[in-house]
Amino acid sequence: MRNGRVLIYAGLPVVGAFAAGLVGAVLIGDGTYPSPFAAQDEIIGWLSGNAPAARLMSVTQLVSALALLVFGARLAESLRSRGSGAYAAVTQSAGVAAAVMLALSALLEWVAVRPDVLAAGWRRWRA
């Protein structure tokens, strides 16, 4: 039972950091984050007007990615101790892949709100 509680407590920082970023961005930003399917001008306008909120989201996503990496390792360790070696390997690989993708998303968002990228970079992507 103790190992199960440790896993639950190891997963809480993942959810907490991610939720803190979303709530914090809404509180300090002007409205909510636009939909990925919104018009490009709407997305660029939100990013350029809410750079601090986007930076907060990217930092908390990066923290969440690190916590997810630890959680995946703890979960794989728990499976390995129960004799499920194949499941542990899949769990650890999936945890690393998910953490890397979340960290990449956070870093790309950090870069997207840089003033020079907003001014010059987005013009290249317009249709």
Protein backbone atom coordinates (compact mmCIF):
# COMPACT_ATOMS: atom_id res chain seq x y z
CA MET A 1 0.00 0.00 0.00
CA ARG A 2 2.84 2.37 0.74
CA ASN A 3 4.17 2.10 -2.83
CA GLY A 4 0.75 3.05 -4.23
CA ARG A 5 0.61 6.17 -2.07
CA VAL A 6 4.08 7.18 -3.17
CA LEU A 7 2.96 6.90 -6.80
CA ILE A 8 -0.09 9.05 -6.14
CA TYR A 9 2.04 11.70 -4.44
CA ALA A 10 4.57 11.56 -7.26
CA GLY A 11 1.82 12.31 -9.79
CA LEU A 12 0.42 15.32 -7.95
CA PRO A 13 3.19 17.76 -9.02
CA VAL A 14 2.49 16.93 -12.67
CA VAL A 15 -1.16 17.88 -12.38
CA GLY A 16 -0.47 20.78 -10.02
CA ALA A 17 2.14 22.47 -12.17
CA PHE A 18 0.10 22.06 -15.33
CA ALA A 19 -3.07 23.41 -13.70
CA ALA A 20 -1.17 26.30 -12.10
CA GLY A 21 0.09 27.34 -15.51
CA LEU A 22 -3.36 27.29 -17.05
CA VAL A 23 -5.04 29.13 -14.18
CA GLY A 24 -2.17 31.61 -13.82
CA ALA A 25 -2.21 32.42 -17.52
CA VAL A 26 -5.94 33.12 -17.43
CA LEU A 27 -5.54 35.33 -14.35
CA ILE A 28 -2.69 37.48 -15.70
CA GLY A 29 -3.65 37.37 -19.37
CA ASP A 30 -6.41 39.08 -21.31
CA GLY A 31 -8.87 36.25 -21.73
CA THR A 32 -8.23 32.63 -22.45
CA TYR A 33 -5.67 31.10 -24.76
CA PRO A 34 -7.05 31.02 -28.32
CA SER A 35 -7.97 27.79 -30.04
CA PRO A 36 -5.34 26.27 -32.35
CA PHE A 37 -8.01 26.42 -35.06
CA ALA A 38 -8.60 30.16 -34.60
CA ALA A 39 -7.51 32.67 -37.20
CA GLN A 40 -3.77 33.24 -37.30
CA ASP A 41 -4.16 36.96 -36.55
CA GLU A 42 -6.11 36.12 -33.39
CA ILE A 43 -3.40 33.75 -32.17
CA ILE A 44 -0.59 36.18 -32.95
CA GLY A 45 -2.52 39.01 -31.32
CA TRP A 46 -3.02 37.02 -28.13
CA LEU A 47 0.62 35.93 -27.99
CA SER A 48 1.97 39.43 -28.59
CA GLY A 49 -0.40 40.99 -26.04
CA ASN A 50 -0.02 38.29 -23.40
CA ALA A 51 3.65 37.36 -23.47
CA PRO A 52 3.97 37.15 -19.64
CA ALA A 53 1.01 34.75 -19.46
CA ALA A 54 2.47 32.59 -22.23
CA ARG A 55 5.86 32.56 -20.50
CA LEU A 56 4.21 31.49 -17.24
CA MET A 57 2.45 28.67 -19.06
CA SER A 58 5.69 27.53 -20.67
CA VAL A 59 7.62 27.54 -17.38
CA THR A 60 4.94 25.56 -15.57
CA GLN A 61 4.69 23.13 -18.49
CA LEU A 62 8.44 22.58 -18.26
CA VAL A 63 8.16 21.92 -14.52
CA SER A 64 5.28 19.57 -15.26
CA ALA A 65 7.42 17.74 -17.84
CA LEU A 66 10.16 17.19 -15.28
CA ALA A 67 7.62 15.94 -12.73
CA LEU A 68 6.14 13.63 -15.39
CA LEU A 69 9.59 12.21 -16.04
CA VAL A 70 10.00 11.41 -12.33
CA PHE A 71 6.48 9.96 -12.16
CA GLY A 72 7.12 7.69 -15.14
CA ALA A 73 10.35 6.44 -13.59
CA ARG A 74 8.65 5.74 -10.25
CA LEU A 75 5.80 3.91 -11.96
CA ALA A 76 8.22 1.81 -14.01
CA GLU A 77 10.20 1.02 -10.85
CA SER A 78 7.00 -0.12 -9.16
CA LEU A 79 6.12 -2.39 -12.09
CA ARG A 80 9.65 -3.77 -12.22
CA SER A 81 9.54 -4.64 -8.50
CA ARG A 82 6.37 -6.65 -9.13
CA GLY A 83 8.07 -8.69 -11.86
CA SER A 84 6.52 -6.98 -14.88
CA GLY A 85 9.70 -6.18 -16.78
CA ALA A 86 8.10 -5.69 -20.20
CA TYR A 87 5.38 -3.41 -18.84
CA ALA A 88 8.01 -1.45 -16.93
CA ALA A 89 10.05 -0.89 -20.09
CA VAL A 90 6.99 0.29 -22.03
CA THR A 91 5.92 2.54 -19.15
CA GLN A 92 9.35 4.10 -18.82
CA SER A 93 9.68 4.65 -22.57
CA ALA A 94 6.21 6.19 -22.81
CA GLY A 95 6.89 8.41 -19.79
CA VAL A 96 10.13 9.69 -21.29
CA ALA A 97 8.46 10.31 -24.66
CA ALA A 98 5.55 12.18 -23.05
CA ALA A 99 7.89 14.28 -20.90
CA VAL A 100 10.08 15.15 -23.90
CA MET A 101 7.07 16.20 -25.98
CA LEU A 102 5.66 18.33 -23.14
CA ALA A 103 9.07 19.96 -22.63
CA LEU A 104 9.37 20.61 -26.37
CA SER A 105 5.92 22.22 -26.36
CA ALA A 106 6.95 24.44 -23.43
CA LEU A 107 10.19 25.50 -25.09
CA LEU A 108 8.49 26.25 -28.41
CA GLU A 109 5.91 28.40 -26.64
CA TRP A 110 8.70 30.27 -24.87
CA VAL A 111 10.34 30.98 -28.22
CA ALA A 112 7.04 31.91 -29.89
CA VAL A 113 6.48 34.92 -27.61
CA ARG A 114 9.90 36.45 -28.12
CA PRO A 115 9.48 39.92 -29.64
CA ASP A 116 11.81 39.25 -32.56
CA VAL A 117 9.99 36.02 -33.42
CA LEU A 118 6.60 37.70 -33.18
CA ALA A 119 7.75 40.58 -35.37
CA ALA A 120 9.63 38.70 -38.07
CA GLY A 121 9.09 34.98 -37.80
CA TRP A 122 5.34 34.79 -38.09
CA ARG A 123 5.30 36.73 -41.36
CA ARG A 124 7.05 33.81 -43.04
CA TRP A 125 4.26 31.42 -42.13
CA ARG A 126 1.37 33.48 -43.44
CA ALA A 127 -0.36 32.00 -46.45
